[in-house]
Amino acid sequence: MADEPIKGPAYYFPSIEKKYGRPIGEWQELVRKALPAKHMELVALLKDEHGMGHGHANAVVAHVLAADKG
């Protein structure tokens, strides 16, 4: 059985790690430490304080919030 392609926010994780030089776990921990901030506040944190692009920041935040919800 072939591996299924990665879908959703996790699709961006390899490029996030490569572009910003930190493992995805560190980005996720930064987001978790800022909770219970709202989604867009968390995106702004990654963009403003860490120079992350909007799409990448949104992917990290969406993944963390979905994982912590379920």
Protein backbone atom coordinates (compact mmCIF):
# COMPACT_ATOMS: atom_id res chain seq x y z
CA MET A 1 0.00 0.00 0.00
CA ALA A 2 1.48 3.34 -1.04
CA ASP A 3 1.89 6.15 1.45
CA GLU A 4 -0.91 8.66 1.24
CA PRO A 5 0.15 12.21 0.45
CA ILE A 6 0.24 14.63 3.36
CA LYS A 7 -2.79 16.91 3.37
CA GLY A 8 -3.85 19.94 5.33
CA PRO A 9 -1.55 22.18 7.35
CA ALA A 10 1.09 19.46 7.83
CA TYR A 11 1.81 19.65 4.09
CA TYR A 12 3.72 22.87 4.78
CA PHE A 13 5.86 21.56 7.66
CA PRO A 14 8.95 20.53 5.65
CA SER A 15 9.12 23.89 3.90
CA ILE A 16 8.53 25.75 7.19
CA GLU A 17 11.43 23.91 8.80
CA LYS A 18 13.68 24.57 5.83
CA LYS A 19 12.79 28.24 5.41
CA TYR A 20 12.81 29.28 9.08
CA GLY A 21 15.49 26.90 10.39
CA ARG A 22 13.63 25.46 13.36
CA PRO A 23 11.85 22.13 13.83
CA ILE A 24 8.08 22.27 13.57
CA GLY A 25 7.79 21.17 17.20
CA GLU A 26 9.42 24.42 18.31
CA TRP A 27 6.94 26.47 16.29
CA GLN A 28 4.06 24.47 17.74
CA GLU A 29 5.37 25.01 21.27
CA LEU A 30 5.57 28.78 20.67
CA VAL A 31 1.92 28.75 19.66
CA ARG A 32 0.89 26.61 22.64
CA LYS A 33 2.67 28.96 25.06
CA ALA A 34 0.63 31.88 23.68
CA LEU A 35 -2.72 30.14 24.21
CA PRO A 36 -5.53 30.97 24.84
CA ALA A 37 -4.96 33.69 22.23
CA LYS A 38 -7.27 33.66 19.21
CA HIS A 39 -6.30 32.13 15.87
CA MET A 40 -5.42 35.39 14.12
CA GLU A 41 -3.55 36.69 17.17
CA LEU A 42 -1.39 33.58 17.05
CA VAL A 43 -0.81 34.02 13.31
CA ALA A 44 0.19 37.65 13.94
CA LEU A 45 2.62 36.52 16.66
CA LEU A 46 4.45 34.21 14.26
CA LYS A 47 4.46 36.84 11.51
CA ASP A 48 5.42 39.87 13.58
CA GLU A 49 7.85 38.36 16.07
CA HIS A 50 9.39 35.61 13.94
CA GLY A 51 9.08 36.82 10.34
CA MET A 52 6.94 33.91 9.23
CA GLY A 53 4.80 34.31 6.13
CA HIS A 54 1.03 34.34 6.52
CA GLY A 55 0.38 30.93 4.94
CA HIS A 56 3.04 29.18 6.98
CA ALA A 57 1.94 30.87 10.21
CA ASN A 58 -1.68 29.97 9.52
CA ALA A 59 -0.73 26.33 8.86
CA VAL A 60 1.15 26.02 12.17
CA VAL A 61 -1.64 27.65 14.16
CA ALA A 62 -4.39 25.64 12.47
CA HIS A 63 -2.57 22.38 13.12
CA VAL A 64 -1.95 23.18 16.80
CA LEU A 65 -5.51 24.27 17.43
CA ALA A 66 -6.96 21.22 15.68
CA ALA A 67 -4.62 18.82 17.51
CA ASP A 68 -5.31 20.36 20.90
CA LYS A 69 -9.06 20.41 20.27
CA GLY A 70 -9.31 16.71 19.55
